[in-house]
C-alpha cells in the first residue's frame, strides 16, 4: 500500500493484509483527496477507524498539520505506530487504542477539521459517530466528515450536516458531509 502524493508520496505503509480491515483502494483515496484538496492544508484530522492509518497518513502527506489515529484493534494500533515511526511523523500524530465512543469522548473538546469514518460495514457506527460528534465540541463549523459504507442508507445524518458529495465505487459508498 502506497501513499499517493504529497511530502510522503510513493512511500509504502504496512497493514494492507491486516485481519479485520478493508484498506481504502487507491482510486477511492485519490477521489477523496481530490475533493479535500482545498480543505486539507493545515487541518487537524481524525482517522477514527484507522486500520493501518492509510487515510490519516495520506492527509498528513498532503498538508494536514496533525492527525489523531484510533483503532480498537491492538494489532492495527501497533501497525499505525510502526507506520508513523517509519515515516517520521510522530510529531504530527497521536495514536489512540480504544473503542470509537471512548475516543470521541476523549477528543470531545479537540477541534477537528476533517474526520475519516470507515467502520466495519455490518454496524451502525457511522450514525452513532455523527450523533456523538454533533452533540460535542469536536467539529468546527465547516468541518468535513468522510463516510465509507457498503450501504448508502446506513449513512444517517441530521440537518446539522450538509451533503457535499456522494459516489459509489464498486460495493463501497463514499459520502462527504459538512458540519453546518
N, C-alpha and C. Protein backbone atom coordinates (compact mmCIF):
# COMPACT_ATOMS: atom_id res chain seq x y z
N UNK A 1 0.86 -1.16 0.00
CA UNK A 1 0.00 0.00 0.00
C UNK A 1 0.91 1.23 0.00
N UNK A 2 0.60 2.17 -0.86
CA UNK A 2 1.43 3.36 -1.03
C UNK A 2 0.69 4.64 -0.69
N UNK A 3 1.46 5.63 -0.27
CA UNK A 3 0.94 6.98 -0.10
C UNK A 3 0.90 7.58 -1.50
N UNK A 4 -0.22 8.18 -1.85
CA UNK A 4 -0.44 8.64 -3.22
C UNK A 4 0.42 9.85 -3.58
N UNK A 5 0.34 10.90 -2.79
CA UNK A 5 1.07 12.12 -3.16
C UNK A 5 1.41 12.94 -1.93
N UNK A 6 2.00 14.10 -2.18
CA UNK A 6 2.40 14.98 -1.09
C UNK A 6 3.82 14.69 -0.66
N UNK A 7 4.16 15.16 0.53
CA UNK A 7 5.54 15.06 1.02
C UNK A 7 6.02 13.63 1.23
N UNK A 8 5.10 12.70 1.42
CA UNK A 8 5.45 11.29 1.63
C UNK A 8 5.05 10.42 0.44
N UNK A 9 4.64 11.05 -0.66
CA UNK A 9 4.16 10.33 -1.83
C UNK A 9 5.12 9.26 -2.31
N UNK A 10 4.55 8.08 -2.63
CA UNK A 10 5.34 6.97 -3.13
C UNK A 10 5.87 6.05 -2.05
N UNK A 11 5.83 6.48 -0.79
CA UNK A 11 6.32 5.63 0.31
C UNK A 11 5.31 4.54 0.62
N UNK A 12 5.82 3.39 1.04
CA UNK A 12 4.96 2.26 1.40
C UNK A 12 4.55 2.35 2.86
N UNK A 13 3.35 1.83 3.15
CA UNK A 13 2.93 1.67 4.54
C UNK A 13 2.49 0.23 4.76
N UNK A 14 2.65 -0.20 5.98
CA UNK A 14 2.28 -1.56 6.37
C UNK A 14 0.79 -1.64 6.66
N UNK A 15 0.25 -2.85 6.63
CA UNK A 15 -1.11 -3.09 7.09
C UNK A 15 -2.12 -3.44 6.03
N UNK A 16 -1.70 -3.62 4.80
CA UNK A 16 -2.65 -3.95 3.75
C UNK A 16 -3.36 -5.27 4.06
N UNK A 17 -2.65 -6.20 4.67
CA UNK A 17 -3.20 -7.54 4.94
C UNK A 17 -3.65 -7.73 6.39
N UNK A 18 -3.90 -6.65 7.09
CA UNK A 18 -4.30 -6.70 8.49
C UNK A 18 -5.70 -7.29 8.60
N UNK A 19 -5.83 -8.37 9.37
CA UNK A 19 -7.13 -9.03 9.55
C UNK A 19 -8.16 -8.05 10.11
N UNK A 20 -9.38 -8.12 9.57
CA UNK A 20 -10.48 -7.30 10.06
C UNK A 20 -10.52 -5.89 9.49
N UNK A 21 -9.64 -5.59 8.53
CA UNK A 21 -9.65 -4.25 7.93
C UNK A 21 -9.90 -4.34 6.43
N UNK A 22 -10.32 -3.22 5.86
CA UNK A 22 -10.53 -3.08 4.42
C UNK A 22 -9.82 -1.81 3.99
N UNK A 23 -8.58 -1.89 3.60
CA UNK A 23 -7.89 -0.65 3.21
C UNK A 23 -8.63 0.04 2.06
N UNK A 24 -8.69 1.36 2.14
CA UNK A 24 -9.33 2.15 1.08
C UNK A 24 -8.52 2.01 -0.19
N UNK A 25 -9.18 1.63 -1.28
CA UNK A 25 -8.50 1.44 -2.55
C UNK A 25 -7.89 2.75 -3.03
N UNK A 26 -6.79 2.64 -3.79
CA UNK A 26 -6.09 3.82 -4.27
C UNK A 26 -6.98 4.78 -5.05
N UNK A 27 -7.82 4.25 -5.93
CA UNK A 27 -8.66 5.16 -6.73
C UNK A 27 -9.69 5.87 -5.88
N UNK A 28 -10.18 5.22 -4.83
CA UNK A 28 -11.13 5.85 -3.92
C UNK A 28 -10.40 6.92 -3.11
N UNK A 29 -9.21 6.58 -2.64
CA UNK A 29 -8.41 7.53 -1.87
C UNK A 29 -8.06 8.75 -2.72
N UNK A 30 -7.69 8.53 -3.96
CA UNK A 30 -7.39 9.65 -4.87
C UNK A 30 -8.61 10.55 -5.03
N UNK A 31 -9.77 9.98 -5.20
CA UNK A 31 -11.00 10.74 -5.36
C UNK A 31 -11.32 11.55 -4.11
N UNK A 32 -11.20 10.93 -2.95
CA UNK A 32 -11.46 11.62 -1.68
C UNK A 32 -10.53 12.83 -1.54
N UNK A 33 -9.24 12.62 -1.78
CA UNK A 33 -8.29 13.70 -1.56
C UNK A 33 -8.35 14.77 -2.65
N UNK A 34 -8.86 14.43 -3.81
CA UNK A 34 -9.11 15.46 -4.83
C UNK A 34 -10.20 16.41 -4.35
N UNK A 35 -11.20 15.87 -3.68
CA UNK A 35 -12.28 16.69 -3.13
C UNK A 35 -11.77 17.52 -1.94
N UNK A 36 -10.88 16.96 -1.16
CA UNK A 36 -10.36 17.63 0.05
C UNK A 36 -9.25 18.63 -0.22
N UNK A 37 -8.77 18.71 -1.44
CA UNK A 37 -7.55 19.48 -1.72
C UNK A 37 -7.59 20.92 -1.21
N UNK A 38 -8.75 21.56 -1.20
CA UNK A 38 -8.84 22.93 -0.71
C UNK A 38 -9.00 23.02 0.80
N UNK A 39 -9.26 21.90 1.45
CA UNK A 39 -9.51 21.89 2.89
C UNK A 39 -8.41 21.23 3.72
N UNK A 40 -7.51 20.51 3.07
CA UNK A 40 -6.55 19.67 3.80
C UNK A 40 -5.39 20.46 4.42
N UNK A 41 -4.95 21.52 3.78
CA UNK A 41 -3.78 22.27 4.25
C UNK A 41 -4.00 22.81 5.67
N UNK A 42 -3.06 22.49 6.55
CA UNK A 42 -3.08 22.94 7.96
C UNK A 42 -4.29 22.46 8.76
N UNK A 43 -4.96 21.43 8.30
CA UNK A 43 -6.13 20.91 9.01
C UNK A 43 -5.71 19.96 10.13
N UNK A 44 -6.63 19.76 11.06
CA UNK A 44 -6.49 18.75 12.10
C UNK A 44 -7.48 17.65 11.74
N UNK A 45 -6.98 16.42 11.64
CA UNK A 45 -7.80 15.30 11.17
C UNK A 45 -7.97 14.24 12.26
N UNK A 46 -9.00 13.44 12.08
CA UNK A 46 -9.25 12.27 12.91
C UNK A 46 -9.54 11.10 11.99
N UNK A 47 -8.72 10.06 12.08
CA UNK A 47 -8.93 8.81 11.35
C UNK A 47 -9.44 7.83 12.41
N UNK A 48 -10.77 7.76 12.58
CA UNK A 48 -11.37 7.11 13.75
C UNK A 48 -11.29 5.59 13.74
N UNK A 49 -11.45 4.97 12.60
CA UNK A 49 -11.33 3.52 12.46
C UNK A 49 -10.12 3.28 11.57
N UNK A 50 -8.94 3.55 12.09
CA UNK A 50 -7.73 3.74 11.28
C UNK A 50 -7.23 2.53 10.51
N UNK A 51 -7.34 1.35 11.07
CA UNK A 51 -6.72 0.19 10.42
C UNK A 51 -5.22 0.39 10.36
N UNK A 52 -4.68 0.63 9.18
CA UNK A 52 -3.24 0.86 9.00
C UNK A 52 -2.86 2.33 9.19
N UNK A 53 -3.86 3.20 9.22
CA UNK A 53 -3.61 4.64 9.27
C UNK A 53 -3.54 5.26 7.89
N UNK A 54 -3.91 4.50 6.88
CA UNK A 54 -3.81 4.88 5.48
C UNK A 54 -4.35 6.29 5.19
N UNK A 55 -5.58 6.59 5.60
CA UNK A 55 -6.20 7.87 5.27
C UNK A 55 -5.57 9.02 6.05
N UNK A 56 -5.33 8.82 7.32
CA UNK A 56 -4.70 9.87 8.13
C UNK A 56 -3.28 10.18 7.68
N UNK A 57 -2.54 9.15 7.33
CA UNK A 57 -1.17 9.35 6.83
C UNK A 57 -1.21 10.10 5.51
N UNK A 58 -2.13 9.75 4.64
CA UNK A 58 -2.29 10.47 3.37
C UNK A 58 -2.62 11.94 3.64
N UNK A 59 -3.46 12.20 4.63
CA UNK A 59 -3.81 13.58 4.97
C UNK A 59 -2.57 14.36 5.41
N UNK A 60 -1.75 13.76 6.26
CA UNK A 60 -0.52 14.43 6.70
C UNK A 60 0.40 14.66 5.50
N UNK A 61 0.53 13.68 4.65
CA UNK A 61 1.38 13.80 3.47
C UNK A 61 0.94 14.96 2.58
N UNK A 62 -0.38 15.17 2.52
CA UNK A 62 -0.92 16.21 1.65
C UNK A 62 -1.14 17.55 2.36
N UNK A 63 -0.60 17.70 3.57
CA UNK A 63 -0.58 19.02 4.19
C UNK A 63 -1.33 19.21 5.48
N UNK A 64 -2.00 18.17 5.99
CA UNK A 64 -2.65 18.30 7.30
C UNK A 64 -1.57 18.54 8.34
N UNK A 65 -1.85 19.41 9.31
CA UNK A 65 -0.82 19.69 10.31
C UNK A 65 -0.78 18.66 11.43
N UNK A 66 -1.90 17.92 11.62
CA UNK A 66 -1.96 16.95 12.71
C UNK A 66 -3.06 15.94 12.44
N UNK A 67 -2.86 14.72 12.91
CA UNK A 67 -3.91 13.70 12.78
C UNK A 67 -3.95 12.83 14.04
N UNK A 68 -5.16 12.63 14.52
CA UNK A 68 -5.43 11.67 15.58
C UNK A 68 -5.84 10.38 14.90
N UNK A 69 -5.19 9.29 15.28
CA UNK A 69 -5.50 7.97 14.75
C UNK A 69 -6.11 7.16 15.88
N UNK A 70 -7.13 6.35 15.56
CA UNK A 70 -7.71 5.48 16.57
C UNK A 70 -8.11 4.15 15.94
N UNK A 71 -7.80 3.09 16.66
CA UNK A 71 -8.33 1.77 16.31
C UNK A 71 -8.39 0.94 17.58
N UNK A 72 -9.49 0.23 17.76
CA UNK A 72 -9.67 -0.60 18.94
C UNK A 72 -8.82 -1.87 18.86
N UNK A 73 -8.46 -2.28 17.65
CA UNK A 73 -7.67 -3.48 17.41
C UNK A 73 -6.20 -3.22 17.77
N UNK A 74 -5.66 -3.99 18.70
CA UNK A 74 -4.28 -3.75 19.15
C UNK A 74 -3.26 -4.02 18.04
N UNK A 75 -3.55 -4.96 17.14
CA UNK A 75 -2.64 -5.20 16.01
C UNK A 75 -2.61 -3.98 15.09
N UNK A 76 -3.79 -3.42 14.82
CA UNK A 76 -3.86 -2.21 13.99
C UNK A 76 -3.12 -1.06 14.68
N UNK A 77 -3.34 -0.91 15.98
CA UNK A 77 -2.66 0.12 16.76
C UNK A 77 -1.14 0.02 16.59
N UNK A 78 -0.61 -1.21 16.68
CA UNK A 78 0.84 -1.40 16.53
C UNK A 78 1.32 -1.13 15.11
N UNK A 79 0.52 -1.48 14.12
CA UNK A 79 0.86 -1.18 12.71
C UNK A 79 0.90 0.33 12.50
N UNK A 80 -0.08 1.04 13.03
CA UNK A 80 -0.10 2.50 12.91
C UNK A 80 1.16 3.09 13.55
N UNK A 81 1.49 2.62 14.76
CA UNK A 81 2.70 3.11 15.44
C UNK A 81 3.94 2.89 14.57
N UNK A 82 4.06 1.71 13.96
CA UNK A 82 5.22 1.43 13.09
C UNK A 82 5.22 2.36 11.88
N UNK A 83 4.06 2.53 11.24
CA UNK A 83 3.98 3.40 10.07
C UNK A 83 4.35 4.84 10.42
N UNK A 84 3.82 5.34 11.51
CA UNK A 84 4.09 6.72 11.95
C UNK A 84 5.57 6.91 12.24
N UNK A 85 6.15 5.93 12.92
CA UNK A 85 7.58 5.99 13.25
C UNK A 85 8.46 5.91 12.00
N UNK A 86 8.18 4.95 11.13
CA UNK A 86 8.96 4.77 9.90
C UNK A 86 8.91 6.01 9.03
N UNK A 87 7.75 6.66 8.98
CA UNK A 87 7.58 7.86 8.14
C UNK A 87 8.03 9.13 8.84
N UNK A 88 8.44 9.00 10.11
CA UNK A 88 8.96 10.12 10.90
C UNK A 88 7.94 11.26 11.00
N UNK A 89 6.70 10.89 11.35
CA UNK A 89 5.65 11.90 11.52
C UNK A 89 5.03 11.81 12.92
N UNK A 90 5.81 11.34 13.88
CA UNK A 90 5.29 11.23 15.24
C UNK A 90 4.92 12.59 15.82
N UNK A 91 5.59 13.65 15.38
CA UNK A 91 5.29 14.99 15.88
C UNK A 91 4.00 15.56 15.29
N UNK A 92 3.41 14.86 14.32
CA UNK A 92 2.18 15.32 13.68
C UNK A 92 1.02 14.37 13.97
N UNK A 93 1.19 13.50 14.98
CA UNK A 93 0.16 12.48 15.19
C UNK A 93 0.03 12.08 16.66
N UNK A 94 -1.14 11.54 16.96
CA UNK A 94 -1.44 10.97 18.26
C UNK A 94 -2.24 9.71 17.98
N UNK A 95 -1.83 8.59 18.56
CA UNK A 95 -2.45 7.30 18.26
C UNK A 95 -3.19 6.80 19.50
N UNK A 96 -4.47 6.52 19.33
CA UNK A 96 -5.30 6.02 20.42
C UNK A 96 -5.68 4.57 20.13
N UNK A 97 -5.86 3.79 21.20
CA UNK A 97 -6.24 2.39 21.09
C UNK A 97 -7.46 2.15 21.98
N UNK A 98 -8.63 2.57 21.47
CA UNK A 98 -9.85 2.46 22.25
C UNK A 98 -11.05 2.33 21.33
N UNK A 99 -12.20 2.00 21.90
CA UNK A 99 -13.40 1.93 21.07
C UNK A 99 -13.75 3.34 20.60
N UNK A 100 -14.51 3.43 19.53
CA UNK A 100 -14.77 4.73 18.91
C UNK A 100 -15.51 5.70 19.83
N UNK A 101 -16.41 5.20 20.67
CA UNK A 101 -17.16 6.08 21.58
C UNK A 101 -16.24 6.71 22.61
N UNK A 102 -15.34 5.92 23.18
CA UNK A 102 -14.39 6.45 24.15
C UNK A 102 -13.44 7.43 23.47
N UNK A 103 -13.01 7.11 22.25
CA UNK A 103 -12.12 8.02 21.51
C UNK A 103 -12.81 9.36 21.27
N UNK A 104 -14.07 9.33 20.85
CA UNK A 104 -14.79 10.59 20.61
C UNK A 104 -14.98 11.38 21.90
N UNK A 105 -15.23 10.70 23.00
CA UNK A 105 -15.34 11.38 24.30
C UNK A 105 -14.01 11.97 24.72
N UNK A 106 -12.93 11.22 24.49
CA UNK A 106 -11.58 11.69 24.84
C UNK A 106 -11.22 12.94 24.05
N UNK A 107 -11.66 13.00 22.82
CA UNK A 107 -11.34 14.12 21.94
C UNK A 107 -12.44 15.18 21.88
N UNK A 108 -13.42 15.10 22.77
CA UNK A 108 -14.62 15.94 22.69
C UNK A 108 -14.35 17.43 22.59
N UNK A 109 -13.30 17.93 23.20
CA UNK A 109 -13.01 19.37 23.14
C UNK A 109 -11.85 19.70 22.22
N UNK A 110 -11.46 18.74 21.40
CA UNK A 110 -10.44 18.97 20.38
C UNK A 110 -11.16 19.41 19.12
N UNK A 111 -10.69 20.44 18.49
CA UNK A 111 -11.34 20.92 17.26
C UNK A 111 -10.78 20.17 16.06
N UNK A 112 -11.64 19.41 15.41
CA UNK A 112 -11.27 18.59 14.27
C UNK A 112 -11.85 19.20 13.00
N UNK A 113 -11.03 19.28 11.95
CA UNK A 113 -11.47 19.85 10.68
C UNK A 113 -11.96 18.77 9.71
N UNK A 114 -11.33 17.59 9.75
CA UNK A 114 -11.68 16.50 8.83
C UNK A 114 -11.70 15.19 9.60
N UNK A 115 -12.81 14.45 9.46
CA UNK A 115 -12.94 13.15 10.12
C UNK A 115 -13.13 12.09 9.04
N UNK A 116 -12.35 11.01 9.15
CA UNK A 116 -12.49 9.85 8.28
C UNK A 116 -13.21 8.76 9.06
N UNK A 117 -14.38 8.33 8.56
CA UNK A 117 -15.17 7.27 9.20
C UNK A 117 -15.30 6.10 8.23
N UNK A 118 -14.58 5.04 8.50
CA UNK A 118 -14.65 3.82 7.70
C UNK A 118 -14.77 2.63 8.65
N UNK A 119 -15.92 2.54 9.36
CA UNK A 119 -16.09 1.48 10.36
C UNK A 119 -16.43 0.14 9.70
N UNK A 120 -16.44 -0.92 10.50
CA UNK A 120 -16.90 -2.21 9.96
C UNK A 120 -18.29 -2.04 9.33
N UNK A 121 -18.48 -2.64 8.18
CA UNK A 121 -19.71 -2.43 7.42
C UNK A 121 -20.98 -2.94 8.09
N UNK A 122 -20.89 -4.00 8.86
CA UNK A 122 -22.10 -4.60 9.42
C UNK A 122 -22.61 -3.86 10.66
N UNK A 123 -22.21 -2.60 10.84
CA UNK A 123 -22.57 -1.84 12.04
C UNK A 123 -23.37 -0.58 11.68
N UNK A 124 -23.86 0.09 12.71
CA UNK A 124 -24.48 1.40 12.56
C UNK A 124 -23.57 2.49 13.16
N UNK A 125 -22.28 2.24 13.14
CA UNK A 125 -21.31 3.15 13.78
C UNK A 125 -21.28 4.53 13.15
N UNK A 126 -21.52 4.65 11.86
CA UNK A 126 -21.49 5.98 11.24
C UNK A 126 -22.58 6.85 11.84
N UNK A 127 -23.79 6.33 11.90
CA UNK A 127 -24.90 7.09 12.50
C UNK A 127 -24.58 7.46 13.94
N UNK A 128 -24.06 6.51 14.71
CA UNK A 128 -23.70 6.76 16.12
C UNK A 128 -22.62 7.84 16.22
N UNK A 129 -21.59 7.75 15.39
CA UNK A 129 -20.49 8.73 15.42
C UNK A 129 -21.00 10.12 15.10
N UNK A 130 -21.84 10.24 14.08
CA UNK A 130 -22.36 11.55 13.69
C UNK A 130 -23.19 12.17 14.82
N UNK A 131 -23.98 11.34 15.51
CA UNK A 131 -24.78 11.85 16.64
C UNK A 131 -23.87 12.33 17.76
N UNK A 132 -22.85 11.54 18.09
CA UNK A 132 -21.92 11.94 19.15
C UNK A 132 -21.21 13.23 18.76
N UNK A 133 -20.74 13.32 17.53
CA UNK A 133 -19.99 14.50 17.09
C UNK A 133 -20.85 15.75 17.06
N UNK A 134 -22.10 15.62 16.66
CA UNK A 134 -22.94 16.82 16.59
C UNK A 134 -23.33 17.33 17.98
N UNK A 135 -23.24 16.45 18.99
CA UNK A 135 -23.58 16.84 20.35
C UNK A 135 -22.35 17.13 21.21
N UNK A 136 -21.19 17.23 20.59
CA UNK A 136 -19.97 17.57 21.32
C UNK A 136 -19.34 18.79 20.64
N UNK A 137 -18.19 19.17 21.13
CA UNK A 137 -17.48 20.32 20.56
C UNK A 137 -16.37 19.89 19.61
N UNK A 138 -16.40 18.67 19.15
CA UNK A 138 -15.29 18.13 18.37
C UNK A 138 -15.19 18.73 16.96
N UNK A 139 -16.31 19.09 16.36
CA UNK A 139 -16.30 19.60 14.99
C UNK A 139 -16.42 21.12 14.96
N UNK A 140 -15.66 21.73 14.08
CA UNK A 140 -15.82 23.16 13.79
C UNK A 140 -16.99 23.32 12.83
N UNK A 141 -17.52 24.51 12.74
CA UNK A 141 -18.47 24.80 11.68
C UNK A 141 -17.69 24.69 10.37
N UNK A 142 -18.18 23.91 9.44
CA UNK A 142 -17.48 23.70 8.18
C UNK A 142 -16.60 22.46 8.15
N UNK A 143 -16.48 21.76 9.28
CA UNK A 143 -15.70 20.52 9.30
C UNK A 143 -16.30 19.51 8.33
N UNK A 144 -15.44 18.69 7.75
CA UNK A 144 -15.87 17.65 6.81
C UNK A 144 -15.81 16.28 7.47
N UNK A 145 -16.78 15.45 7.16
CA UNK A 145 -16.81 14.06 7.63
C UNK A 145 -16.91 13.18 6.40
N UNK A 146 -15.91 12.33 6.20
CA UNK A 146 -15.87 11.43 5.05
C UNK A 146 -16.31 10.05 5.55
N UNK A 147 -17.45 9.59 5.06
CA UNK A 147 -18.05 8.32 5.50
C UNK A 147 -17.90 7.28 4.39
N UNK A 148 -17.49 6.07 4.77
CA UNK A 148 -17.42 4.96 3.83
C UNK A 148 -18.29 3.83 4.35
N UNK A 149 -19.15 3.29 3.47
CA UNK A 149 -20.06 2.22 3.87
C UNK A 149 -20.42 1.38 2.65
N UNK A 150 -20.91 0.19 2.92
CA UNK A 150 -21.40 -0.66 1.83
C UNK A 150 -22.84 -0.35 1.48
N UNK A 151 -23.50 0.50 2.27
CA UNK A 151 -24.91 0.80 2.05
C UNK A 151 -25.17 2.29 2.31
N UNK A 152 -25.59 2.99 1.28
CA UNK A 152 -25.86 4.43 1.39
C UNK A 152 -26.85 4.72 2.51
N UNK A 153 -27.82 3.82 2.72
CA UNK A 153 -28.86 4.03 3.73
C UNK A 153 -28.32 3.99 5.16
N UNK A 154 -27.14 3.43 5.36
CA UNK A 154 -26.54 3.39 6.69
C UNK A 154 -25.91 4.73 7.09
N UNK A 155 -25.78 5.63 6.13
CA UNK A 155 -25.16 6.92 6.41
C UNK A 155 -26.29 7.90 6.74
N UNK A 156 -26.70 7.83 8.01
CA UNK A 156 -27.82 8.61 8.51
C UNK A 156 -27.27 9.82 9.25
N UNK A 157 -27.74 11.02 8.85
CA UNK A 157 -27.23 12.24 9.46
C UNK A 157 -28.36 13.25 9.64
N UNK A 158 -28.14 14.18 10.55
CA UNK A 158 -29.17 15.17 10.88
C UNK A 158 -29.03 16.40 9.99
N UNK A 159 -29.89 17.37 10.23
CA UNK A 159 -29.85 18.62 9.48
C UNK A 159 -28.71 19.53 9.94
N UNK A 160 -27.88 19.04 10.84
CA UNK A 160 -26.68 19.79 11.25
C UNK A 160 -25.52 19.55 10.27
N UNK A 161 -25.78 18.71 9.26
CA UNK A 161 -24.79 18.40 8.23
C UNK A 161 -25.39 18.66 6.85
N UNK A 162 -24.56 19.17 5.96
CA UNK A 162 -24.92 19.28 4.55
C UNK A 162 -24.23 18.16 3.78
N UNK A 163 -24.93 17.61 2.82
CA UNK A 163 -24.34 16.61 1.94
C UNK A 163 -23.51 17.34 0.87
N UNK A 164 -22.21 17.08 0.85
CA UNK A 164 -21.31 17.73 -0.10
C UNK A 164 -21.22 16.91 -1.38
N UNK A 165 -21.01 15.60 -1.22
CA UNK A 165 -20.84 14.74 -2.39
C UNK A 165 -21.04 13.29 -1.97
N UNK A 166 -21.50 12.48 -2.90
CA UNK A 166 -21.56 11.04 -2.67
C UNK A 166 -21.27 10.33 -3.98
N UNK A 167 -20.64 9.17 -3.86
CA UNK A 167 -20.31 8.39 -5.05
C UNK A 167 -20.13 6.93 -4.64
N UNK A 168 -20.50 6.05 -5.56
CA UNK A 168 -20.33 4.62 -5.33
C UNK A 168 -19.11 4.12 -6.10
N UNK A 169 -18.28 3.34 -5.42
CA UNK A 169 -17.09 2.72 -6.00
C UNK A 169 -17.23 1.22 -5.76
N UNK A 170 -17.59 0.46 -6.78
CA UNK A 170 -17.80 -0.98 -6.59
C UNK A 170 -18.90 -1.20 -5.57
N UNK A 171 -18.57 -1.86 -4.45
CA UNK A 171 -19.56 -2.11 -3.40
C UNK A 171 -19.47 -1.10 -2.26
N UNK A 172 -18.73 -0.02 -2.44
CA UNK A 172 -18.49 0.95 -1.38
C UNK A 172 -19.08 2.31 -1.75
N UNK A 173 -19.77 2.92 -0.79
CA UNK A 173 -20.25 4.30 -0.92
C UNK A 173 -19.34 5.23 -0.16
N UNK A 174 -19.00 6.34 -0.76
CA UNK A 174 -18.28 7.40 -0.06
C UNK A 174 -19.21 8.60 -0.03
N UNK A 175 -19.47 9.08 1.18
CA UNK A 175 -20.36 10.23 1.38
C UNK A 175 -19.59 11.27 2.16
N UNK A 176 -19.57 12.49 1.65
CA UNK A 176 -18.87 13.58 2.31
C UNK A 176 -19.90 14.58 2.83
N UNK A 177 -19.82 14.82 4.13
CA UNK A 177 -20.74 15.73 4.82
C UNK A 177 -19.96 16.93 5.36
N UNK A 178 -20.62 18.07 5.42
CA UNK A 178 -20.02 19.27 6.01
C UNK A 178 -20.89 19.71 7.18
N UNK A 179 -20.24 19.92 8.34
CA UNK A 179 -20.95 20.39 9.55
C UNK A 179 -21.39 21.83 9.32
N UNK A 180 -22.65 22.10 9.57
CA UNK A 180 -23.19 23.45 9.40
C UNK A 180 -22.84 24.28 10.63
